[in-house]
Amino acid sequence: MMSLPFVLFACGLGAAWTSRRVAALGFWVAGVLMLLVLFRMHATDVLNIAL
């Protein structure tokens, strides 16, 4: 799950390499948004530590 933003970033780099600027920008924006959402889900997760 946490690798999805980095896959999107790689797709953005591939699109930029092939001179598709709109697709590259879309992949990068989607990657940043997904990274923020996943971080928000992870940062607000409660740790259940049973001793």
PDB file of N, CA and C in Angstrom:
ATOM      1  N   MET A   1       0.820  -1.184   0.000  1.00  0.00           N
ATOM      2  CA  MET A   1       0.000   0.000   0.000  1.00  0.00           C
ATOM      3  C   MET A   1       0.873   1.261   0.000  1.00  0.00           C
ATOM      4  N   MET A   2       1.913   1.265   0.804  1.00  0.00           N
ATOM      5  CA  MET A   2       2.769   2.444   0.877  1.00  0.00           C
ATOM      6  C   MET A   2       3.651   2.590  -0.371  1.00  0.00           C
ATOM      7  N   SER A   3       3.720   1.577  -1.195  1.00  0.00           N
ATOM      8  CA  SER A   3       4.539   1.699  -2.407  1.00  0.00           C
ATOM      9  C   SER A   3       3.775   2.359  -3.554  1.00  0.00           C
ATOM     10  N   LEU A   4       2.458   2.486  -3.435  1.00  0.00           N
ATOM     11  CA  LEU A   4       1.665   3.066  -4.523  1.00  0.00           C
ATOM     12  C   LEU A   4       2.069   4.495  -4.887  1.00  0.00           C
ATOM     13  N   PRO A   5       2.332   5.385  -3.917  1.00  0.00           N
ATOM     14  CA  PRO A   5       2.774   6.726  -4.334  1.00  0.00           C
ATOM     15  C   PRO A   5       4.080   6.702  -5.114  1.00  0.00           C
ATOM     16  N   PHE A   6       4.976   5.813  -4.745  1.00  0.00           N
ATOM     17  CA  PHE A   6       6.264   5.754  -5.437  1.00  0.00           C
ATOM     18  C   PHE A   6       6.126   5.144  -6.823  1.00  0.00           C
ATOM     19  N   VAL A   7       5.170   4.265  -7.006  1.00  0.00           N
ATOM     20  CA  VAL A   7       4.870   3.755  -8.347  1.00  0.00           C
ATOM     21  C   VAL A   7       4.311   4.886  -9.209  1.00  0.00           C
ATOM     22  N   LEU A   8       3.447   5.712  -8.613  1.00  0.00           N
ATOM     23  CA  LEU A   8       2.918   6.854  -9.355  1.00  0.00           C
ATOM     24  C   LEU A   8       4.020   7.849  -9.707  1.00  0.00           C
ATOM     25  N   PHE A   9       4.962   8.070  -8.785  1.00  0.00           N
ATOM     26  CA  PHE A   9       6.085   8.952  -9.083  1.00  0.00           C
ATOM     27  C   PHE A   9       6.927   8.382 -10.227  1.00  0.00           C
ATOM     28  N   ALA A  10       7.132   7.077 -10.233  1.00  0.00           N
ATOM     29  CA  ALA A  10       7.891   6.440 -11.313  1.00  0.00           C
ATOM     30  C   ALA A  10       7.148   6.577 -12.646  1.00  0.00           C
ATOM     31  N   CYS A  11       5.821   6.440 -12.603  1.00  0.00           N
ATOM     32  CA  CYS A  11       5.037   6.637 -13.829  1.00  0.00           C
ATOM     33  C   CYS A  11       5.148   8.084 -14.297  1.00  0.00           C
ATOM     34  N   GLY A  12       5.175   9.019 -13.355  1.00  0.00           N
ATOM     35  CA  GLY A  12       5.354  10.423 -13.712  1.00  0.00           C
ATOM     36  C   GLY A  12       6.700  10.674 -14.359  1.00  0.00           C
ATOM     37  N   LEU A  13       7.739  10.041 -13.836  1.00  0.00           N
ATOM     38  CA  LEU A  13       9.060  10.179 -14.451  1.00  0.00           C
ATOM     39  C   LEU A  13       9.084   9.573 -15.852  1.00  0.00           C
ATOM     40  N   GLY A  14       8.424   8.435 -15.999  1.00  0.00           N
ATOM     41  CA  GLY A  14       8.348   7.815 -17.323  1.00  0.00           C
ATOM     42  C   GLY A  14       7.582   8.674 -18.316  1.00  0.00           C
ATOM     43  N   ALA A  15       6.504   9.290 -17.859  1.00  0.00           N
ATOM     44  CA  ALA A  15       5.739  10.176 -18.740  1.00  0.00           C
ATOM     45  C   ALA A  15       6.547  11.422 -19.083  1.00  0.00           C
ATOM     46  N   ALA A  16       7.290  11.947 -18.127  1.00  0.00           N
ATOM     47  CA  ALA A  16       8.137  13.110 -18.411  1.00  0.00           C
ATOM     48  C   ALA A  16       9.249  12.746 -19.387  1.00  0.00           C
ATOM     49  N   TRP A  17       9.763  11.544 -19.257  1.00  0.00           N
ATOM     50  CA  TRP A  17      10.834  11.082 -20.153  1.00  0.00           C
ATOM     51  C   TRP A  17      10.349  11.005 -21.597  1.00  0.00           C
ATOM     52  N   THR A  18       9.051  10.655 -21.764  1.00  0.00           N
ATOM     53  CA  THR A  18       8.487  10.547 -23.115  1.00  0.00           C
ATOM     54  C   THR A  18       7.799  11.842 -23.549  1.00  0.00           C
ATOM     55  N   SER A  19       8.068  12.939 -22.841  1.00  0.00           N
ATOM     56  CA  SER A  19       7.566  14.280 -23.184  1.00  0.00           C
ATOM     57  C   SER A  19       6.046  14.395 -23.116  1.00  0.00           C
ATOM     58  N   ARG A  20       5.442  13.735 -22.170  1.00  0.00           N
ATOM     59  CA  ARG A  20       4.000  13.875 -21.941  1.00  0.00           C
ATOM     60  C   ARG A  20       3.809  14.646 -20.642  1.00  0.00           C
ATOM     61  N   ARG A  21       3.826  15.967 -20.753  1.00  0.00           N
ATOM     62  CA  ARG A  21       3.844  16.827 -19.567  1.00  0.00           C
ATOM     63  C   ARG A  21       2.561  16.746 -18.762  1.00  0.00           C
ATOM     64  N   VAL A  22       1.417  16.707 -19.415  1.00  0.00           N
ATOM     65  CA  VAL A  22       0.141  16.677 -18.691  1.00  0.00           C
ATOM     66  C   VAL A  22      -0.001  15.371 -17.914  1.00  0.00           C
ATOM     67  N   ALA A  23       0.367  14.262 -18.539  1.00  0.00           N
ATOM     68  CA  ALA A  23       0.300  12.971 -17.853  1.00  0.00           C
ATOM     69  C   ALA A  23       1.294  12.925 -16.697  1.00  0.00           C
ATOM     70  N   ALA A  24       2.482  13.463 -16.907  1.00  0.00           N
ATOM     71  CA  ALA A  24       3.495  13.477 -15.853  1.00  0.00           C
ATOM     72  C   ALA A  24       3.013  14.297 -14.658  1.00  0.00           C
ATOM     73  N   LEU A  25       2.438  15.454 -14.934  1.00  0.00           N
ATOM     74  CA  LEU A  25       1.927  16.292 -13.859  1.00  0.00           C
ATOM     75  C   LEU A  25       0.788  15.596 -13.128  1.00  0.00           C
ATOM     76  N   GLY A  26      -0.066  14.916 -13.856  1.00  0.00           N
ATOM     77  CA  GLY A  26      -1.167  14.169 -13.231  1.00  0.00           C
ATOM     78  C   GLY A  26      -0.665  13.062 -12.335  1.00  0.00           C
ATOM     79  N   PHE A  27       0.325  12.313 -12.787  1.00  0.00           N
ATOM     80  CA  PHE A  27       0.895  11.244 -11.964  1.00  0.00           C
ATOM     81  C   PHE A  27       1.547  11.803 -10.707  1.00  0.00           C
ATOM     82  N   TRP A  28       2.258  12.919 -10.839  1.00  0.00           N
ATOM     83  CA  TRP A  28       2.932  13.506  -9.680  1.00  0.00           C
ATOM     84  C   TRP A  28       1.922  14.032  -8.669  1.00  0.00           C
ATOM     85  N   VAL A  29       0.878  14.701  -9.150  1.00  0.00           N
ATOM     86  CA  VAL A  29      -0.151  15.210  -8.234  1.00  0.00           C
ATOM     87  C   VAL A  29      -0.867  14.054  -7.540  1.00  0.00           C
ATOM     88  N   ALA A  30      -1.191  13.013  -8.291  1.00  0.00           N
ATOM     89  CA  ALA A  30      -1.844  11.844  -7.692  1.00  0.00           C
ATOM     90  C   ALA A  30      -0.927  11.178  -6.658  1.00  0.00           C
ATOM     91  N   GLY A  31       0.360  11.108  -6.945  1.00  0.00           N
ATOM     92  CA  GLY A  31       1.309  10.517  -6.005  1.00  0.00           C
ATOM     93  C   GLY A  31       1.426  11.313  -4.724  1.00  0.00           C
ATOM     94  N   VAL A  32       1.470  12.644  -4.845  1.00  0.00           N
ATOM     95  CA  VAL A  32       1.566  13.493  -3.648  1.00  0.00           C
ATOM     96  C   VAL A  32       0.295  13.382  -2.819  1.00  0.00           C
ATOM     97  N   LEU A  33      -0.860  13.415  -3.482  1.00  0.00           N
ATOM     98  CA  LEU A  33      -2.117  13.294  -2.747  1.00  0.00           C
ATOM     99  C   LEU A  33      -2.235  11.944  -2.043  1.00  0.00           C
ATOM    100  N   MET A  34      -1.842  10.875  -2.733  1.00  0.00           N
ATOM    101  CA  MET A  34      -1.908   9.558  -2.117  1.00  0.00           C
ATOM    102  C   MET A  34      -0.938   9.454  -0.947  1.00  0.00           C
ATOM    103  N   LEU A  35       0.247  10.046  -1.094  1.00  0.00           N
ATOM    104  CA  LEU A  35       1.215  10.042  -0.006  1.00  0.00           C
ATOM    105  C   LEU A  35       0.674  10.773   1.213  1.00  0.00           C
ATOM    106  N   LEU A  36       0.020  11.902   0.995  1.00  0.00           N
ATOM    107  CA  LEU A  36      -0.563  12.651   2.106  1.00  0.00           C
ATOM    108  C   LEU A  36      -1.708  11.892   2.767  1.00  0.00           C
ATOM    109  N   VAL A  37      -2.545  11.258   1.975  1.00  0.00           N
ATOM    110  CA  VAL A  37      -3.666  10.493   2.535  1.00  0.00           C
ATOM    111  C   VAL A  37      -3.154   9.305   3.339  1.00  0.00           C
ATOM    112  N   LEU A  38      -2.188   8.585   2.793  1.00  0.00           N
ATOM    113  CA  LEU A  38      -1.661   7.424   3.518  1.00  0.00           C
ATOM    114  C   LEU A  38      -0.932   7.850   4.781  1.00  0.00           C
ATOM    115  N   PHE A  39      -0.217   8.978   4.745  1.00  0.00           N
ATOM    116  CA  PHE A  39       0.440   9.463   5.945  1.00  0.00           C
ATOM    117  C   PHE A  39      -0.590   9.870   6.988  1.00  0.00           C
ATOM    118  N   ARG A  40      -1.668  10.523   6.551  1.00  0.00           N
ATOM    119  CA  ARG A  40      -2.730  10.924   7.476  1.00  0.00           C
ATOM    120  C   ARG A  40      -3.357   9.699   8.135  1.00  0.00           C
ATOM    121  N   MET A  41      -3.592   8.646   7.359  1.00  0.00           N
ATOM    122  CA  MET A  41      -4.165   7.417   7.916  1.00  0.00           C
ATOM    123  C   MET A  41      -3.196   6.783   8.901  1.00  0.00           C
ATOM    124  N   HIS A  42      -1.902   6.836   8.599  1.00  0.00           N
ATOM    125  CA  HIS A  42      -0.899   6.207   9.454  1.00  0.00           C
ATOM    126  C   HIS A  42      -0.666   7.044  10.717  1.00  0.00           C
ATOM    127  N   ALA A  43      -0.647   8.352  10.578  1.00  0.00           N
ATOM    128  CA  ALA A  43      -0.331   9.217  11.708  1.00  0.00           C
ATOM    129  C   ALA A  43      -1.458   9.251  12.728  1.00  0.00           C
ATOM    130  N   THR A  44      -2.695   9.018  12.308  1.00  0.00           N
ATOM    131  CA  THR A  44      -3.821   9.059  13.233  1.00  0.00           C
ATOM    132  C   THR A  44      -4.219   7.673  13.720  1.00  0.00           C
ATOM    133  N   ASP A  45      -3.474   6.662  13.344  1.00  0.00           N
ATOM    134  CA  ASP A  45      -3.774   5.295  13.774  1.00  0.00           C
ATOM    135  C   ASP A  45      -3.402   5.120  15.235  1.00  0.00           C
ATOM    136  N   VAL A  46      -4.270   4.463  15.976  1.00  0.00           N
ATOM    137  CA  VAL A  46      -4.047   4.236  17.402  1.00  0.00           C
ATOM    138  C   VAL A  46      -3.174   2.993  17.575  1.00  0.00           C
ATOM    139  N   LEU A  47      -2.162   3.110  18.409  1.00  0.00           N
ATOM    140  CA  LEU A  47      -1.329   1.956  18.703  1.00  0.00           C
ATOM    141  C   LEU A  47      -1.915   1.187  19.882  1.00  0.00           C
ATOM    142  N   ASN A  48      -2.252  -0.056  19.645  1.00  0.00           N
ATOM    143  CA  ASN A  48      -2.781  -0.906  20.694  1.00  0.00           C
ATOM    144  C   ASN A  48      -1.646  -1.755  21.266  1.00  0.00           C
ATOM    145  N   ILE A  49      -1.095  -1.306  22.350  1.00  0.00           N
ATOM    146  CA  ILE A  49       0.018  -2.010  22.978  1.00  0.00           C
ATOM    147  C   ILE A  49      -0.501  -2.689  24.237  1.00  0.00           C
ATOM    148  N   ALA A  50      -0.552  -3.984  24.208  1.00  0.00           N
ATOM    149  CA  ALA A  50      -1.034  -4.750  25.353  1.00  0.00           C
ATOM    150  C   ALA A  50       0.164  -5.287  26.115  1.00  0.00           C
ATOM    151  N   LEU A  51       0.244  -4.949  27.384  1.00  0.00           N
ATOM    152  CA  LEU A  51       1.361  -5.408  28.215  1.00  0.00           C
ATOM    153  C   LEU A  51       0.973  -6.614  29.029  1.00  0.00           C
TER     154      LEU A  51
END
